[in-house]
Amino acid sequence: MAWSTEALSGPDGEDWRVPTSELEIRQSRFIEALEGGSAWVSDPVDMYWLVGNRQAGGVHFSSEGKVTQYVRNSLERARFEAGGNDAPHDIVSHPRMAALSESVCDTPALQLGRIPASDAAFLQSKLGNGGDCTQMLWTLREIKSDWEIERMRESGEIQRRMFEAIDVMGCEGVTELELAGAADEVSRASGFGGFVRMRKWPMDCERVVIASGRSAAVPTFFDSALGATGPHPLAALGAGFKRIGKCKH
């Protein structure tokens, strides 16, 4: 079945892509931080931050400052989400791993603080050991642009509407999961993709964490003060099947 990039849009047809001006600035800052070195970025979140999409593969920052994204799956989608003809970097098909070193032609730093050890060892066997660029990239991401700050403000507005949805639904007799569902409906309708990614392995986080009464004191795997039962032992955090009752004074 044929598909079209017209399907790639946010709520009400909104253009959800990162502006190419943002990508240009981010890539330039990373190149400057590398100080003539090279890097290979493959973490999905960091890739998205740098090139505006998260296709399988990796992004090579050469020692000459050239940026190339190597894509395993959809070149068409990668190009569109990176800005189409205005994309600030090259987008090419990912070669066989045996031939990748011929395309990269240097020894890039890897995200050794992020990727699994087996993946790191395999990449190093193909590209060499150029060190670790993990913290360098994360430090750059800590500085937010005006565009990013505006997106954070929009997220705060969505969060406010989520609390309002809970207030409208009411609480007494309702399960924590039903309240979480009401809030999550607002989040999903606004474009939330369903994933909350944590840097610390093996942490997972729920988008909506609701706990009531004594369930809030139930210990979990998560590194936070708030626990709760969760809906299942594998999802042992946040809202569970407990029904919310009246406050007891």
Protein backbone atom coordinates (compact mmCIF):
# COMPACT_ATOMS: atom_id res chain seq x y z
CA MET A 1 0.00 0.00 0.00
CA ALA A 2 1.41 3.37 -1.05
CA TRP A 3 1.89 6.09 1.52
CA SER A 4 2.48 9.83 1.38
CA THR A 5 4.30 12.33 3.59
CA GLU A 6 0.96 14.15 3.82
CA ALA A 7 0.13 11.63 6.55
CA LEU A 8 2.99 12.96 8.69
CA SER A 9 1.38 15.74 10.69
CA GLY A 10 0.31 16.58 14.19
CA PRO A 11 -3.14 17.45 15.61
CA ASP A 12 -5.37 19.21 13.04
CA GLY A 13 -2.68 18.94 10.38
CA GLU A 14 -0.08 20.84 12.40
CA ASP A 15 3.48 20.69 11.08
CA TRP A 16 5.18 18.80 13.91
CA ARG A 17 8.72 18.96 12.53
CA VAL A 18 11.63 20.62 14.27
CA PRO A 19 12.47 23.81 12.33
CA THR A 20 15.56 23.40 10.17
CA SER A 21 17.01 26.53 11.78
CA GLU A 22 16.97 24.68 15.11
CA LEU A 23 18.69 21.65 13.60
CA GLU A 24 21.37 23.83 12.02
CA ILE A 25 22.17 25.49 15.34
CA ARG A 26 22.28 22.19 17.23
CA GLN A 27 24.53 20.54 14.67
CA SER A 28 26.86 23.55 14.59
CA ARG A 29 27.17 23.56 18.37
CA PHE A 30 28.00 19.86 18.41
CA ILE A 31 30.60 20.24 15.66
CA GLU A 32 32.19 23.10 17.60
CA ALA A 33 32.25 21.03 20.80
CA LEU A 34 33.98 18.16 18.97
CA GLU A 35 36.93 20.50 18.27
CA GLY A 36 37.93 18.80 15.05
CA GLY A 37 37.01 15.32 16.20
CA SER A 38 34.26 13.11 14.85
CA ALA A 39 31.26 11.33 16.36
CA TRP A 40 28.67 8.66 15.65
CA VAL A 41 25.27 9.25 17.29
CA SER A 42 22.73 6.43 17.43
CA ASP A 43 20.63 7.03 20.56
CA PRO A 44 17.04 7.72 19.35
CA VAL A 45 16.45 10.83 21.47
CA ASP A 46 19.82 12.39 20.68
CA MET A 47 19.35 11.58 17.00
CA TYR A 48 15.98 13.31 17.04
CA TRP A 49 17.51 16.35 18.72
CA LEU A 50 20.19 16.59 16.03
CA VAL A 51 18.40 15.60 12.81
CA GLY A 52 14.66 15.86 13.56
CA ASN A 53 13.79 12.18 13.18
CA ARG A 54 14.63 8.83 14.75
CA GLN A 55 15.06 6.41 11.88
CA ALA A 56 17.12 3.29 12.61
CA GLY A 57 20.78 3.84 11.83
CA GLY A 58 23.12 6.60 12.96
CA VAL A 59 24.39 10.11 12.35
CA HIS A 60 28.04 10.74 11.52
CA PHE A 61 29.73 14.04 12.34
CA SER A 62 32.98 13.93 10.40
CA SER A 63 36.24 15.54 11.47
CA GLU A 64 35.70 18.01 8.59
CA GLY A 65 32.34 19.07 10.04
CA LYS A 66 30.11 17.25 7.56
CA VAL A 67 26.91 15.73 8.93
CA THR A 68 25.49 12.56 7.35
CA GLN A 69 22.53 10.52 8.52
CA TYR A 70 22.65 6.83 7.60
CA VAL A 71 19.12 5.41 7.39
CA ARG A 72 18.20 1.72 7.44
CA ASN A 73 14.46 1.99 6.80
CA SER A 74 12.65 4.95 5.24
CA LEU A 75 14.79 7.52 3.48
CA GLU A 76 11.68 9.37 2.38
CA ARG A 77 10.36 9.82 5.89
CA ALA A 78 13.78 10.77 7.25
CA ARG A 79 14.19 13.45 4.56
CA PHE A 80 10.73 14.87 5.15
CA GLU A 81 11.05 15.04 8.92
CA ALA A 82 14.52 16.59 8.64
CA GLY A 83 13.12 19.45 6.56
CA GLY A 84 12.88 18.06 3.03
CA ASN A 85 15.06 19.96 0.56
CA ASP A 86 16.01 22.37 3.37
CA ALA A 87 17.48 19.64 5.59
CA PRO A 88 20.85 20.87 6.92
CA HIS A 89 22.55 17.47 6.55
CA ASP A 90 22.94 14.65 4.05
CA ILE A 91 20.60 11.66 4.31
CA VAL A 92 21.73 8.39 2.71
CA SER A 93 21.02 4.68 2.90
CA HIS A 94 22.89 2.78 5.59
CA PRO A 95 25.44 0.45 3.97
CA ARG A 96 26.24 -3.05 5.14
CA MET A 97 28.21 -2.86 8.39
CA ALA A 98 31.22 -4.36 6.66
CA ALA A 99 31.28 -1.35 4.34
CA LEU A 100 30.41 1.34 6.91
CA SER A 101 34.04 2.18 7.70
CA GLU A 102 34.60 3.00 4.01
CA SER A 103 31.82 5.59 4.20
CA VAL A 104 32.78 7.04 7.57
CA CYS A 105 36.53 7.22 6.90
CA ASP A 106 37.55 8.29 10.42
CA THR A 107 37.41 7.01 14.00
CA PRO A 108 34.38 8.63 15.63
CA ALA A 109 33.55 8.94 19.30
CA LEU A 110 30.54 6.84 20.28
CA GLN A 111 27.82 7.23 22.88
CA LEU A 112 29.45 4.75 25.23
CA GLY A 113 27.43 6.09 28.16
CA ARG A 114 24.20 5.21 26.43
CA ILE A 115 24.40 2.27 24.03
CA PRO A 116 24.66 -1.38 25.20
CA ALA A 117 28.18 -2.76 25.65
CA SER A 118 27.68 -5.36 22.92
CA ASP A 119 26.60 -2.69 20.42
CA ALA A 120 29.54 -0.50 21.42
CA ALA A 121 32.01 -3.34 20.96
CA PHE A 122 30.54 -4.17 17.55
CA LEU A 123 30.71 -0.54 16.36
CA GLN A 124 34.26 -0.22 17.63
CA SER A 125 35.21 -3.35 15.68
CA LYS A 126 34.01 -1.57 12.53
CA LEU A 127 34.85 2.09 13.21
CA GLY A 128 37.61 1.95 15.82
CA ASN A 129 37.69 3.38 19.34
CA GLY A 130 37.35 7.14 19.16
CA GLY A 131 36.27 7.72 22.75
CA ASP A 132 32.98 8.77 24.30
CA CYS A 133 30.82 11.74 23.28
CA THR A 134 27.83 11.01 25.54
CA GLN A 135 28.24 13.72 28.18
CA MET A 136 29.37 16.28 25.63
CA LEU A 137 26.09 15.95 23.76
CA TRP A 138 23.96 15.90 26.91
CA THR A 139 25.66 19.08 28.14
CA LEU A 140 24.75 20.82 24.88
CA ARG A 141 21.13 19.72 25.25
CA GLU A 142 20.89 21.36 28.68
CA ILE A 143 20.93 24.80 27.03
CA LYS A 144 17.41 25.42 25.72
CA SER A 145 16.59 27.63 22.75
CA ASP A 146 13.60 29.98 22.62
CA TRP A 147 11.81 27.42 20.42
CA GLU A 148 12.40 24.66 22.96
CA ILE A 149 11.23 26.85 25.84
CA GLU A 150 8.02 27.58 23.96
CA ARG A 151 7.45 23.86 23.49
CA MET A 152 7.90 23.42 27.23
CA ARG A 153 5.27 26.09 27.84
CA GLU A 154 2.88 24.23 25.53
CA SER A 155 3.57 21.05 27.48
CA GLY A 156 2.72 22.87 30.69
CA GLU A 157 -0.61 23.96 29.21
CA ILE A 158 -1.41 20.36 28.26
CA GLN A 159 -0.50 19.30 31.79
CA ARG A 160 -2.97 21.86 33.16
CA ARG A 161 -5.75 20.43 30.98
CA MET A 162 -4.91 16.95 32.24
CA PHE A 163 -5.51 18.07 35.82
CA GLU A 164 -8.76 19.69 34.73
CA ALA A 165 -9.90 16.40 33.16
CA ILE A 166 -9.35 14.67 36.48
CA ASP A 167 -11.29 17.38 38.30
CA VAL A 168 -14.23 17.07 35.91
CA MET A 169 -14.33 13.29 36.28
CA GLY A 170 -14.43 13.44 40.05
CA CYS A 171 -12.70 11.03 42.38
CA GLU A 172 -14.82 9.16 44.92
CA GLY A 173 -15.40 5.54 43.86
CA VAL A 174 -13.17 5.89 40.80
CA THR A 175 -10.03 3.79 40.44
CA GLU A 176 -6.62 5.39 40.12
CA LEU A 177 -6.34 3.83 36.66
CA GLU A 178 -9.61 5.42 35.51
CA LEU A 179 -8.34 8.82 36.61
CA ALA A 180 -5.03 8.19 34.86
CA GLY A 181 -6.95 7.24 31.71
CA ALA A 182 -8.86 10.54 31.75
CA ALA A 183 -5.63 12.51 32.02
CA ASP A 184 -3.84 10.37 29.47
CA GLU A 185 -6.66 10.90 26.96
CA VAL A 186 -5.88 14.62 26.99
CA SER A 187 -2.18 13.94 26.60
CA ARG A 188 -2.64 11.50 23.71
CA ALA A 189 -5.07 13.77 21.86
CA SER A 190 -2.46 16.54 22.08
CA GLY A 191 0.20 14.40 20.41
CA PHE A 192 1.96 12.48 23.18
CA GLY A 193 3.65 9.45 21.63
CA GLY A 194 3.36 7.09 24.59
CA PHE A 195 7.05 6.86 25.49
CA VAL A 196 8.81 8.42 28.47
CA ARG A 197 12.51 7.77 27.99
CA MET A 198 14.86 7.71 30.96
CA ARG A 199 18.63 8.04 30.71
CA LYS A 200 19.27 5.85 33.73
CA TRP A 201 19.06 2.16 32.84
CA PRO A 202 16.74 0.33 33.47
CA MET A 203 14.30 3.02 34.60
CA ASP A 204 10.85 3.33 33.01
CA CYS A 205 8.38 6.10 33.79
CA GLU A 206 4.63 6.47 33.38
CA ARG A 207 3.20 9.60 31.73
CA VAL A 208 0.47 9.79 34.39
CA VAL A 209 1.35 8.75 37.95
CA ILE A 210 -1.65 8.81 40.30
CA ALA A 211 -1.60 7.45 43.83
CA SER A 212 -4.16 7.76 46.61
CA GLY A 213 -4.07 7.14 50.31
CA ARG A 214 -1.83 4.35 51.50
CA SER A 215 -1.01 3.20 47.98
CA ALA A 216 1.26 6.23 47.65
CA ALA A 217 3.54 4.69 50.28
CA VAL A 218 3.97 1.37 48.44
CA PRO A 219 7.66 1.06 47.44
CA THR A 220 8.53 0.59 43.77
CA PHE A 221 11.56 0.17 41.53
CA PHE A 222 11.52 3.85 40.57
CA ASP A 223 13.94 6.38 42.08
CA SER A 224 11.36 8.77 43.49
CA ALA A 225 9.56 9.45 46.74
CA LEU A 226 6.17 8.56 45.25
CA GLY A 227 5.48 4.91 44.61
CA ALA A 228 2.03 3.24 44.33
CA THR A 229 1.04 -0.21 43.17
CA GLY A 230 0.85 0.15 39.40
CA PRO A 231 -1.48 -2.07 37.34
CA HIS A 232 0.87 -5.09 37.14
CA PRO A 233 4.13 -6.39 38.69
CA LEU A 234 5.96 -5.52 35.45
CA ALA A 235 4.45 -2.01 35.53
CA ALA A 236 4.88 -1.54 39.26
CA LEU A 237 4.57 2.24 39.43
CA GLY A 238 1.73 4.73 39.64
CA ALA A 239 -1.99 4.17 39.22
CA GLY A 240 -3.49 0.85 40.20
CA PHE A 241 -6.93 -0.66 40.80
CA LYS A 242 -7.49 1.00 44.17
CA ARG A 243 -10.73 3.00 44.36
CA ILE A 244 -10.56 6.46 45.83
CA GLY A 245 -12.67 7.08 48.92
CA LYS A 246 -13.55 10.05 51.06
CA CYS A 247 -10.86 11.76 53.07
CA LYS A 248 -10.76 10.57 56.66
CA HIS A 249 -9.93 13.23 59.22
